[in-house]
């Protein structure tokens, strides 16, 4: 059977809706019943399956009998039944406003994805919250129950625009201070950091070490990945994101090498800390991405 593009929910379709609650509803219907499960290793009583141990996992969930048989460390994975906290960290720094050609920007893609993830969290009884880096105003909405809190989150996302430069690290630190441990943190960003992401990895590692499930979703446009039309423009060098340089990524092997090296090193450091690393393009349909993530958050894209 051939899928129509609206069955996959391409970003340009969702962007045209404007109403983020509709976006969440479409995603929920598109995923269908039975897939809205919280992928936590948590405190629930409904055992789901085993998965390999990762740094930062709660040692109480280790299956010692399975280790004795296999000589490998595995943790028991449960379907979470309590109200766990899901904090969505959205990068609204200037680099997220790219591209400027009228297509879906990295920030808009992050907003659409955050609205969908927030809706899915609510569907399984989790409490969604929001933390913003950059943006015209500083926003931090701790995970709370109720329609009022949900509408406040959607309102903030709806009016979110790119603001001042900044790092994700202070925002992640604030999440660690303001949100209790044992929840989920999802970071939506292009991860262009002046220190090659060292502080971000450090703060994310602290969250992971205290028992949070941390997922980093790197968002880039096809143009940045050298997959767009071949034309000269101003781009940000991943080794120095404060500097704009003229170039054509699609025809510049040196740029591609720097990009691959930057994100390769960053994703490896994230993985070593037990942080799930996913990658998305601003043109990627949401449903396939979300299906893969819900089935196995640790698999990566």
C-alpha atoms as a PDB file:
ATOM      1  CA  UNK A   1       0.000   0.000   0.000  1.00  0.00           C
ATOM      2  CA  UNK A   2       1.360   3.412  -0.944  1.00  0.00           C
ATOM      3  CA  UNK A   3       1.354   5.922   1.906  1.00  0.00           C
ATOM      4  CA  UNK A   4       0.142   9.456   1.306  1.00  0.00           C
ATOM      5  CA  UNK A   5       2.346  12.217   2.643  1.00  0.00           C
ATOM      6  CA  UNK A   6      -0.356  13.322   5.087  1.00  0.00           C
ATOM      7  CA  UNK A   7      -0.252   9.797   6.596  1.00  0.00           C
ATOM      8  CA  UNK A   8       3.340  10.559   7.600  1.00  0.00           C
ATOM      9  CA  UNK A   9       2.623  14.120   8.797  1.00  0.00           C
ATOM     10  CA  UNK A  10       5.304  16.120   6.961  1.00  0.00           C
ATOM     11  CA  UNK A  11       6.376  19.265   8.861  1.00  0.00           C
ATOM     12  CA  UNK A  12       5.034  21.631   6.213  1.00  0.00           C
ATOM     13  CA  UNK A  13       1.557  20.152   6.645  1.00  0.00           C
ATOM     14  CA  UNK A  14       1.646  20.521  10.430  1.00  0.00           C
ATOM     15  CA  UNK A  15       3.148  23.988  10.144  1.00  0.00           C
ATOM     16  CA  UNK A  16       0.153  25.079   8.098  1.00  0.00           C
ATOM     17  CA  UNK A  17      -2.238  24.082  10.873  1.00  0.00           C
ATOM     18  CA  UNK A  18      -0.867  26.719  13.294  1.00  0.00           C
ATOM     19  CA  UNK A  19      -2.929  25.262  16.166  1.00  0.00           C
ATOM     20  CA  UNK A  20      -0.502  23.086  18.120  1.00  0.00           C
ATOM     21  CA  UNK A  21      -3.285  21.209  19.874  1.00  0.00           C
ATOM     22  CA  UNK A  22      -4.458  20.033  16.460  1.00  0.00           C
ATOM     23  CA  UNK A  23      -0.890  18.959  15.757  1.00  0.00           C
ATOM     24  CA  UNK A  24      -0.933  16.793  18.886  1.00  0.00           C
ATOM     25  CA  UNK A  25      -4.316  15.330  17.990  1.00  0.00           C
ATOM     26  CA  UNK A  26      -3.165  14.425  14.471  1.00  0.00           C
ATOM     27  CA  UNK A  27      -0.038  12.770  15.807  1.00  0.00           C
ATOM     28  CA  UNK A  28      -2.032  10.775  18.368  1.00  0.00           C
ATOM     29  CA  UNK A  29      -4.455   9.549  15.715  1.00  0.00           C
ATOM     30  CA  UNK A  30      -1.643   8.829  13.275  1.00  0.00           C
ATOM     31  CA  UNK A  31       0.240   6.671  15.734  1.00  0.00           C
ATOM     32  CA  UNK A  32      -2.909   4.696  16.522  1.00  0.00           C
ATOM     33  CA  UNK A  33      -3.890   2.793  19.596  1.00  0.00           C
ATOM     34  CA  UNK A  34      -1.430   0.595  21.422  1.00  0.00           C
ATOM     35  CA  UNK A  35       1.720   2.570  20.640  1.00  0.00           C
ATOM     36  CA  UNK A  36       1.238   5.298  23.256  1.00  0.00           C
ATOM     37  CA  UNK A  37       3.395   3.672  25.890  1.00  0.00           C
ATOM     38  CA  UNK A  38       5.876   5.380  28.167  1.00  0.00           C
ATOM     39  CA  UNK A  39       9.341   3.947  27.362  1.00  0.00           C
ATOM     40  CA  UNK A  40      10.699   4.325  30.900  1.00  0.00           C
ATOM     41  CA  UNK A  41      12.698   2.001  33.032  1.00  0.00           C
ATOM     42  CA  UNK A  42      10.679   3.160  35.971  1.00  0.00           C
ATOM     43  CA  UNK A  43       8.634   2.315  39.006  1.00  0.00           C
ATOM     44  CA  UNK A  44       5.704   0.632  37.274  1.00  0.00           C
ATOM     45  CA  UNK A  45       4.715  -2.955  37.893  1.00  0.00           C
ATOM     46  CA  UNK A  46       4.064  -4.038  34.293  1.00  0.00           C
ATOM     47  CA  UNK A  47       7.254  -5.754  33.090  1.00  0.00           C
ATOM     48  CA  UNK A  48       7.874  -5.209  29.384  1.00  0.00           C
ATOM     49  CA  UNK A  49      11.315  -6.602  28.448  1.00  0.00           C
ATOM     50  CA  UNK A  50      15.028  -6.499  29.172  1.00  0.00           C
ATOM     51  CA  UNK A  51      17.549  -4.135  27.664  1.00  0.00           C
ATOM     52  CA  UNK A  52      21.348  -3.803  28.071  1.00  0.00           C
ATOM     53  CA  UNK A  53      22.528  -1.825  31.093  1.00  0.00           C
ATOM     54  CA  UNK A  54      23.607   1.768  30.419  1.00  0.00           C
ATOM     55  CA  UNK A  55      25.624   4.088  32.626  1.00  0.00           C
ATOM     56  CA  UNK A  56      23.307   5.814  35.077  1.00  0.00           C
ATOM     57  CA  UNK A  57      20.607   3.116  35.166  1.00  0.00           C
ATOM     58  CA  UNK A  58      19.143   2.328  38.567  1.00  0.00           C
ATOM     59  CA  UNK A  59      21.018  -0.712  39.886  1.00  0.00           C
ATOM     60  CA  UNK A  60      17.818  -1.895  41.544  1.00  0.00           C
ATOM     61  CA  UNK A  61      16.519  -2.873  38.103  1.00  0.00           C
ATOM     62  CA  UNK A  62      19.464  -5.128  37.241  1.00  0.00           C
ATOM     63  CA  UNK A  63      18.427  -8.713  36.526  1.00  0.00           C
ATOM     64  CA  UNK A  64      21.046 -10.686  38.427  1.00  0.00           C
ATOM     65  CA  UNK A  65      19.732 -14.086  37.315  1.00  0.00           C
ATOM     66  CA  UNK A  66      20.006 -13.111  33.672  1.00  0.00           C
ATOM     67  CA  UNK A  67      23.525 -11.801  34.322  1.00  0.00           C
ATOM     68  CA  UNK A  68      24.497 -15.134  35.857  1.00  0.00           C
ATOM     69  CA  UNK A  69      23.287 -16.975  32.747  1.00  0.00           C
ATOM     70  CA  UNK A  70      24.624 -14.569  30.116  1.00  0.00           C
ATOM     71  CA  UNK A  71      27.554 -12.870  31.894  1.00  0.00           C
ATOM     72  CA  UNK A  72      26.095  -9.541  30.708  1.00  0.00           C
ATOM     73  CA  UNK A  73      24.332  -6.734  32.550  1.00  0.00           C
ATOM     74  CA  UNK A  74      20.657  -6.203  31.724  1.00  0.00           C
ATOM     75  CA  UNK A  75      17.969  -4.077  33.362  1.00  0.00           C
ATOM     76  CA  UNK A  76      14.289  -4.859  33.574  1.00  0.00           C
ATOM     77  CA  UNK A  77      12.181  -2.452  31.575  1.00  0.00           C
ATOM     78  CA  UNK A  78       8.722  -1.601  32.883  1.00  0.00           C
ATOM     79  CA  UNK A  79       5.751   0.239  31.496  1.00  0.00           C
ATOM     80  CA  UNK A  80       5.428   3.208  33.773  1.00  0.00           C
ATOM     81  CA  UNK A  81       2.117   3.510  35.601  1.00  0.00           C
ATOM     82  CA  UNK A  82       2.734   6.604  37.719  1.00  0.00           C
ATOM     83  CA  UNK A  83       2.721  10.258  36.680  1.00  0.00           C
ATOM     84  CA  UNK A  84       6.284  10.782  35.571  1.00  0.00           C
ATOM     85  CA  UNK A  85       7.673  14.133  34.504  1.00  0.00           C
ATOM     86  CA  UNK A  86       8.649  14.794  30.894  1.00  0.00           C
ATOM     87  CA  UNK A  87      10.604  18.027  30.431  1.00  0.00           C
ATOM     88  CA  UNK A  88      10.939  19.277  26.860  1.00  0.00           C
ATOM     89  CA  UNK A  89      14.014  21.487  26.409  1.00  0.00           C
ATOM     90  CA  UNK A  90      13.682  23.628  23.279  1.00  0.00           C
ATOM     91  CA  UNK A  91      16.609  25.564  21.804  1.00  0.00           C
ATOM     92  CA  UNK A  92      15.405  28.979  20.592  1.00  0.00           C
ATOM     93  CA  UNK A  93      18.804  30.571  19.979  1.00  0.00           C
ATOM     94  CA  UNK A  94      19.428  32.443  16.673  1.00  0.00           C
ATOM     95  CA  UNK A  95      20.880  29.455  14.783  1.00  0.00           C
ATOM     96  CA  UNK A  96      17.529  27.678  15.162  1.00  0.00           C
ATOM     97  CA  UNK A  97      15.857  30.302  12.935  1.00  0.00           C
ATOM     98  CA  UNK A  98      17.519  28.777   9.859  1.00  0.00           C
ATOM     99  CA  UNK A  99      16.606  28.449   7.007  1.00  0.00           C
ATOM    100  CA  UNK A 100      15.126  31.840   6.169  1.00  0.00           C
ATOM    101  CA  UNK A 101      13.593  30.899   2.817  1.00  0.00           C
ATOM    102  CA  UNK A 102      10.039  30.396   4.094  1.00  0.00           C
ATOM    103  CA  UNK A 103      10.389  26.654   4.675  1.00  0.00           C
ATOM    104  CA  UNK A 104      10.094  25.022   8.096  1.00  0.00           C
ATOM    105  CA  UNK A 105      12.881  26.313  10.329  1.00  0.00           C
ATOM    106  CA  UNK A 106      14.746  24.223  12.864  1.00  0.00           C
ATOM    107  CA  UNK A 107      12.920  26.057  15.647  1.00  0.00           C
ATOM    108  CA  UNK A 108       9.512  25.462  14.106  1.00  0.00           C
ATOM    109  CA  UNK A 109      10.318  21.776  13.650  1.00  0.00           C
ATOM    110  CA  UNK A 110      11.352  21.629  17.316  1.00  0.00           C
ATOM    111  CA  UNK A 111       8.082  23.317  18.325  1.00  0.00           C
ATOM    112  CA  UNK A 112       5.990  20.862  16.299  1.00  0.00           C
ATOM    113  CA  UNK A 113       7.898  17.918  17.720  1.00  0.00           C
ATOM    114  CA  UNK A 114       7.595  19.284  21.266  1.00  0.00           C
ATOM    115  CA  UNK A 115       3.823  19.659  20.878  1.00  0.00           C
ATOM    116  CA  UNK A 116       3.566  16.072  19.643  1.00  0.00           C
ATOM    117  CA  UNK A 117       5.773  14.703  22.424  1.00  0.00           C
ATOM    118  CA  UNK A 118       3.853  16.666  25.027  1.00  0.00           C
ATOM    119  CA  UNK A 119       0.578  15.221  23.805  1.00  0.00           C
ATOM    120  CA  UNK A 120       1.991  11.684  23.853  1.00  0.00           C
ATOM    121  CA  UNK A 121       3.254  12.217  27.396  1.00  0.00           C
ATOM    122  CA  UNK A 122      -0.223  13.274  28.483  1.00  0.00           C
ATOM    123  CA  UNK A 123      -1.742  10.239  26.769  1.00  0.00           C
ATOM    124  CA  UNK A 124       0.224   7.870  29.018  1.00  0.00           C
ATOM    125  CA  UNK A 125      -0.374   9.898  32.165  1.00  0.00           C
ATOM    126  CA  UNK A 126       2.986  11.683  32.243  1.00  0.00           C
ATOM    127  CA  UNK A 127       3.296  15.355  33.164  1.00  0.00           C
ATOM    128  CA  UNK A 128       4.832  17.499  30.363  1.00  0.00           C
ATOM    129  CA  UNK A 129       6.903  20.572  31.112  1.00  0.00           C
ATOM    130  CA  UNK A 130       8.905  23.028  29.021  1.00  0.00           C
ATOM    131  CA  UNK A 131      12.275  24.761  29.343  1.00  0.00           C
ATOM    132  CA  UNK A 132      13.486  27.214  26.688  1.00  0.00           C
ATOM    133  CA  UNK A 133      17.019  28.338  25.868  1.00  0.00           C
ATOM    134  CA  UNK A 134      17.198  31.692  24.103  1.00  0.00           C
ATOM    135  CA  UNK A 135      13.858  32.956  22.848  1.00  0.00           C
ATOM    136  CA  UNK A 136      12.519  36.464  23.228  1.00  0.00           C
ATOM    137  CA  UNK A 137      11.616  35.725  26.849  1.00  0.00           C
ATOM    138  CA  UNK A 138      12.952  33.170  29.303  1.00  0.00           C
ATOM    139  CA  UNK A 139      10.437  30.389  29.798  1.00  0.00           C
ATOM    140  CA  UNK A 140      10.361  27.563  32.284  1.00  0.00           C
ATOM    141  CA  UNK A 141       7.141  25.662  32.857  1.00  0.00           C
ATOM    142  CA  UNK A 142       7.695  22.791  35.306  1.00  0.00           C
ATOM    143  CA  UNK A 143       5.777  19.565  34.630  1.00  0.00           C
ATOM    144  CA  UNK A 144       2.305  19.912  36.110  1.00  0.00           C
ATOM    145  CA  UNK A 145      -1.035  18.130  35.682  1.00  0.00           C
ATOM    146  CA  UNK A 146      -4.219  19.625  34.302  1.00  0.00           C
ATOM    147  CA  UNK A 147      -5.572  21.326  31.188  1.00  0.00           C
ATOM    148  CA  UNK A 148      -4.477  24.769  32.340  1.00  0.00           C
ATOM    149  CA  UNK A 149      -0.835  23.728  32.540  1.00  0.00           C
ATOM    150  CA  UNK A 150      -1.074  21.996  29.161  1.00  0.00           C
ATOM    151  CA  UNK A 151      -2.572  25.057  27.490  1.00  0.00           C
ATOM    152  CA  UNK A 152       0.129  27.263  29.029  1.00  0.00           C
ATOM    153  CA  UNK A 153       2.771  25.004  27.487  1.00  0.00           C
ATOM    154  CA  UNK A 154       1.073  25.121  24.080  1.00  0.00           C
ATOM    155  CA  UNK A 155       0.688  28.900  24.322  1.00  0.00           C
ATOM    156  CA  UNK A 156       4.409  29.308  25.028  1.00  0.00           C
ATOM    157  CA  UNK A 157       5.347  27.048  22.126  1.00  0.00           C
ATOM    158  CA  UNK A 158       2.948  28.832  19.770  1.00  0.00           C
ATOM    159  CA  UNK A 159       4.535  32.225  20.396  1.00  0.00           C
ATOM    160  CA  UNK A 160       8.129  31.046  20.658  1.00  0.00           C
ATOM    161  CA  UNK A 161      10.586  32.920  18.459  1.00  0.00           C
ATOM    162  CA  UNK A 162      14.378  32.825  18.259  1.00  0.00           C
ATOM    163  CA  UNK A 163      16.060  35.257  20.640  1.00  0.00           C
ATOM    164  CA  UNK A 164      19.473  35.827  22.152  1.00  0.00           C
ATOM    165  CA  UNK A 165      22.478  33.520  21.731  1.00  0.00           C
ATOM    166  CA  UNK A 166      23.108  31.177  24.624  1.00  0.00           C
ATOM    167  CA  UNK A 167      24.011  27.699  25.715  1.00  0.00           C
ATOM    168  CA  UNK A 168      21.742  24.820  26.609  1.00  0.00           C
ATOM    169  CA  UNK A 169      23.867  24.064  29.679  1.00  0.00           C
ATOM    170  CA  UNK A 170      22.283  26.612  32.102  1.00  0.00           C
ATOM    171  CA  UNK A 171      18.812  25.480  31.058  1.00  0.00           C
ATOM    172  CA  UNK A 172      19.659  21.834  31.734  1.00  0.00           C
ATOM    173  CA  UNK A 173      21.137  22.846  35.074  1.00  0.00           C
ATOM    174  CA  UNK A 174      17.891  24.603  35.942  1.00  0.00           C
ATOM    175  CA  UNK A 175      15.896  21.519  35.017  1.00  0.00           C
ATOM    176  CA  UNK A 176      18.050  19.533  37.425  1.00  0.00           C
ATOM    177  CA  UNK A 177      17.358  22.054  40.183  1.00  0.00           C
ATOM    178  CA  UNK A 178      13.629  22.522  39.601  1.00  0.00           C
ATOM    179  CA  UNK A 179      12.383  19.101  38.452  1.00  0.00           C
ATOM    180  CA  UNK A 180      12.603  16.041  40.651  1.00  0.00           C
ATOM    181  CA  UNK A 181      14.757  13.128  39.501  1.00  0.00           C
ATOM    182  CA  UNK A 182      13.543   9.993  37.771  1.00  0.00           C
ATOM    183  CA  UNK A 183      11.744  11.535  34.797  1.00  0.00           C
ATOM    184  CA  UNK A 184      12.433  12.104  31.128  1.00  0.00           C
ATOM    185  CA  UNK A 185      14.287  15.042  29.558  1.00  0.00           C
ATOM    186  CA  UNK A 186      14.100  15.550  25.779  1.00  0.00           C
ATOM    187  CA  UNK A 187      16.447  18.158  24.269  1.00  0.00           C
ATOM    188  CA  UNK A 188      15.497  19.584  20.852  1.00  0.00           C
ATOM    189  CA  UNK A 189      18.378  21.555  19.367  1.00  0.00           C
ATOM    190  CA  UNK A 190      20.994  21.872  16.638  1.00  0.00           C
ATOM    191  CA  UNK A 191      23.605  21.600  19.429  1.00  0.00           C
ATOM    192  CA  UNK A 192      25.835  24.301  17.975  1.00  0.00           C
ATOM    193  CA  UNK A 193      27.795  25.188  21.097  1.00  0.00           C
ATOM    194  CA  UNK A 194      30.888  27.373  21.409  1.00  0.00           C
ATOM    195  CA  UNK A 195      32.727  24.808  23.553  1.00  0.00           C
ATOM    196  CA  UNK A 196      31.962  21.875  21.237  1.00  0.00           C
ATOM    197  CA  UNK A 197      29.119  20.911  23.552  1.00  0.00           C
ATOM    198  CA  UNK A 198      31.294  20.094  26.584  1.00  0.00           C
ATOM    199  CA  UNK A 199      29.087  21.912  29.116  1.00  0.00           C
ATOM    200  CA  UNK A 200      25.906  20.525  27.593  1.00  0.00           C
ATOM    201  CA  UNK A 201      27.239  16.979  27.808  1.00  0.00           C
ATOM    202  CA  UNK A 202      28.278  17.618  31.412  1.00  0.00           C
ATOM    203  CA  UNK A 203      24.845  18.911  32.477  1.00  0.00           C
ATOM    204  CA  UNK A 204      23.008  16.197  30.550  1.00  0.00           C
ATOM    205  CA  UNK A 205      25.273  13.611  32.188  1.00  0.00           C
ATOM    206  CA  UNK A 206      24.324  14.931  35.622  1.00  0.00           C
ATOM    207  CA  UNK A 207      20.651  14.466  34.773  1.00  0.00           C
ATOM    208  CA  UNK A 208      21.335  10.951  33.537  1.00  0.00           C
ATOM    209  CA  UNK A 209      23.374  10.069  36.612  1.00  0.00           C
ATOM    210  CA  UNK A 210      20.554  11.082  38.945  1.00  0.00           C
ATOM    211  CA  UNK A 211      18.175   8.700  37.195  1.00  0.00           C
ATOM    212  CA  UNK A 212      16.570  10.706  34.377  1.00  0.00           C
ATOM    213  CA  UNK A 213      16.132   9.283  30.891  1.00  0.00           C
ATOM    214  CA  UNK A 214      17.771  11.871  28.633  1.00  0.00           C
ATOM    215  CA  UNK A 215      17.243  12.063  24.871  1.00  0.00           C
ATOM    216  CA  UNK A 216      19.044  14.528  22.597  1.00  0.00           C
ATOM    217  CA  UNK A 217      17.402  15.130  19.205  1.00  0.00           C
ATOM    218  CA  UNK A 218      19.699  17.011  16.862  1.00  0.00           C
ATOM    219  CA  UNK A 219      17.760  19.026  14.263  1.00  0.00           C
ATOM    220  CA  UNK A 220      19.377  20.303  11.070  1.00  0.00           C
ATOM    221  CA  UNK A 221      18.062  21.536   7.748  1.00  0.00           C
ATOM    222  CA  UNK A 222      18.875  19.728   4.487  1.00  0.00           C
ATOM    223  CA  UNK A 223      20.855  22.800   3.392  1.00  0.00           C
ATOM    224  CA  UNK A 224      23.159  22.513   6.398  1.00  0.00           C
ATOM    225  CA  UNK A 225      23.639  18.834   5.648  1.00  0.00           C
ATOM    226  CA  UNK A 226      24.605  19.559   2.052  1.00  0.00           C
ATOM    227  CA  UNK A 227      21.385  18.006   0.745  1.00  0.00           C
ATOM    228  CA  UNK A 228      19.664  21.141  -0.516  1.00  0.00           C
ATOM    229  CA  UNK A 229      20.046  23.087  -3.712  1.00  0.00           C
ATOM    230  CA  UNK A 230      23.580  23.975  -4.695  1.00  0.00           C
ATOM    231  CA  UNK A 231      23.814  27.727  -4.122  1.00  0.00           C
ATOM    232  CA  UNK A 232      26.077  30.087  -2.232  1.00  0.00           C
ATOM    233  CA  UNK A 233      24.859  31.376   1.134  1.00  0.00           C
ATOM    234  CA  UNK A 234      26.000  32.276   4.642  1.00  0.00           C
ATOM    235  CA  UNK A 235      26.356  29.347   7.008  1.00  0.00           C
ATOM    236  CA  UNK A 236      27.549  28.799  10.560  1.00  0.00           C
ATOM    237  CA  UNK A 237      30.677  26.733  10.958  1.00  0.00           C
ATOM    238  CA  UNK A 238      29.996  24.013  13.573  1.00  0.00           C
ATOM    239  CA  UNK A 239      33.496  24.560  14.963  1.00  0.00           C
ATOM    240  CA  UNK A 240      32.702  28.234  15.604  1.00  0.00           C
ATOM    241  CA  UNK A 241      28.935  28.862  15.453  1.00  0.00           C
ATOM    242  CA  UNK A 242      29.340  32.572  16.243  1.00  0.00           C
ATOM    243  CA  UNK A 243      30.979  33.129  12.848  1.00  0.00           C
ATOM    244  CA  UNK A 244      29.012  33.228   9.615  1.00  0.00           C
ATOM    245  CA  UNK A 245      30.951  32.251   6.521  1.00  0.00           C
ATOM    246  CA  UNK A 246      30.018  32.136   2.846  1.00  0.00           C
ATOM    247  CA  UNK A 247      29.901  28.702   1.359  1.00  0.00           C
ATOM    248  CA  UNK A 248      28.044  25.940  -0.380  1.00  0.00           C
ATOM    249  CA  UNK A 249      27.865  22.857   1.864  1.00  0.00           C
ATOM    250  CA  UNK A 250      26.712  20.622  -0.976  1.00  0.00           C
ATOM    251  CA  UNK A 251      29.953  21.283  -2.881  1.00  0.00           C
ATOM    252  CA  UNK A 252      32.367  21.711   0.012  1.00  0.00           C
ATOM    253  CA  UNK A 253      33.952  18.442   1.199  1.00  0.00           C
ATOM    254  CA  UNK A 254      35.835  20.293   3.949  1.00  0.00           C
ATOM    255  CA  UNK A 255      32.549  21.565   5.382  1.00  0.00           C
ATOM    256  CA  UNK A 256      31.068  18.083   5.305  1.00  0.00           C
ATOM    257  CA  UNK A 257      34.142  16.696   7.059  1.00  0.00           C
ATOM    258  CA  UNK A 258      33.925  19.326   9.821  1.00  0.00           C
ATOM    259  CA  UNK A 259      30.201  18.747  10.246  1.00  0.00           C
ATOM    260  CA  UNK A 260      30.622  14.977  10.470  1.00  0.00           C
ATOM    261  CA  UNK A 261      33.515  15.291  12.905  1.00  0.00           C
ATOM    262  CA  UNK A 262      31.668  17.775  15.154  1.00  0.00           C
ATOM    263  CA  UNK A 263      28.464  15.778  15.497  1.00  0.00           C
ATOM    264  CA  UNK A 264      30.269  12.448  15.515  1.00  0.00           C
ATOM    265  CA  UNK A 265      32.336  13.475  18.537  1.00  0.00           C
ATOM    266  CA  UNK A 266      29.326  15.027  20.282  1.00  0.00           C
ATOM    267  CA  UNK A 267      27.078  12.010  19.757  1.00  0.00           C
ATOM    268  CA  UNK A 268      29.821   9.685  21.000  1.00  0.00           C
ATOM    269  CA  UNK A 269      30.230  11.687  24.220  1.00  0.00           C
ATOM    270  CA  UNK A 270      26.471  11.694  24.694  1.00  0.00           C
ATOM    271  CA  UNK A 271      26.306   7.954  24.146  1.00  0.00           C
ATOM    272  CA  UNK A 272      29.160   7.304  26.580  1.00  0.00           C
ATOM    273  CA  UNK A 273      27.125   9.146  29.229  1.00  0.00           C
ATOM    274  CA  UNK A 274      24.042   7.012  28.569  1.00  0.00           C
ATOM    275  CA  UNK A 275      22.200   9.771  26.686  1.00  0.00           C
ATOM    276  CA  UNK A 276      20.070   8.720  23.718  1.00  0.00           C
ATOM    277  CA  UNK A 277      21.143  10.519  20.528  1.00  0.00           C
ATOM    278  CA  UNK A 278      18.714  11.002  17.651  1.00  0.00           C
ATOM    279  CA  UNK A 279      19.020  13.014  14.449  1.00  0.00           C
ATOM    280  CA  UNK A 280      16.269  14.669  12.404  1.00  0.00           C
ATOM    281  CA  UNK A 281      15.984  16.891   9.356  1.00  0.00           C
ATOM    282  CA  UNK A 282      13.476  19.718   9.198  1.00  0.00           C
ATOM    283  CA  UNK A 283      11.838  17.900   6.289  1.00  0.00           C
ATOM    284  CA  UNK A 284      11.416  14.572   8.110  1.00  0.00           C
ATOM    285  CA  UNK A 285       7.791  13.429   8.585  1.00  0.00           C
ATOM    286  CA  UNK A 286       6.972  13.194  12.272  1.00  0.00           C
ATOM    287  CA  UNK A 287       5.180   9.862  12.449  1.00  0.00           C
ATOM    288  CA  UNK A 288       8.063   7.572  11.368  1.00  0.00           C
ATOM    289  CA  UNK A 289      10.436   9.403  13.714  1.00  0.00           C
ATOM    290  CA  UNK A 290       8.048   9.128  16.668  1.00  0.00           C
ATOM    291  CA  UNK A 291       7.226   5.485  15.959  1.00  0.00           C
ATOM    292  CA  UNK A 292      10.913   4.570  16.049  1.00  0.00           C
ATOM    293  CA  UNK A 293      11.502   6.571  19.217  1.00  0.00           C
ATOM    294  CA  UNK A 294       8.531   5.143  21.073  1.00  0.00           C
ATOM    295  CA  UNK A 295       9.439   1.581  20.180  1.00  0.00           C
ATOM    296  CA  UNK A 296      13.022   1.931  21.374  1.00  0.00           C
ATOM    297  CA  UNK A 297      14.250   5.321  22.674  1.00  0.00           C
ATOM    298  CA  UNK A 298      17.793   4.031  22.978  1.00  0.00           C
ATOM    299  CA  UNK A 299      18.119   2.851  19.380  1.00  0.00           C
ATOM    300  CA  UNK A 300      18.973   6.238  17.885  1.00  0.00           C
ATOM    301  CA  UNK A 301      18.043   7.345  14.406  1.00  0.00           C
END
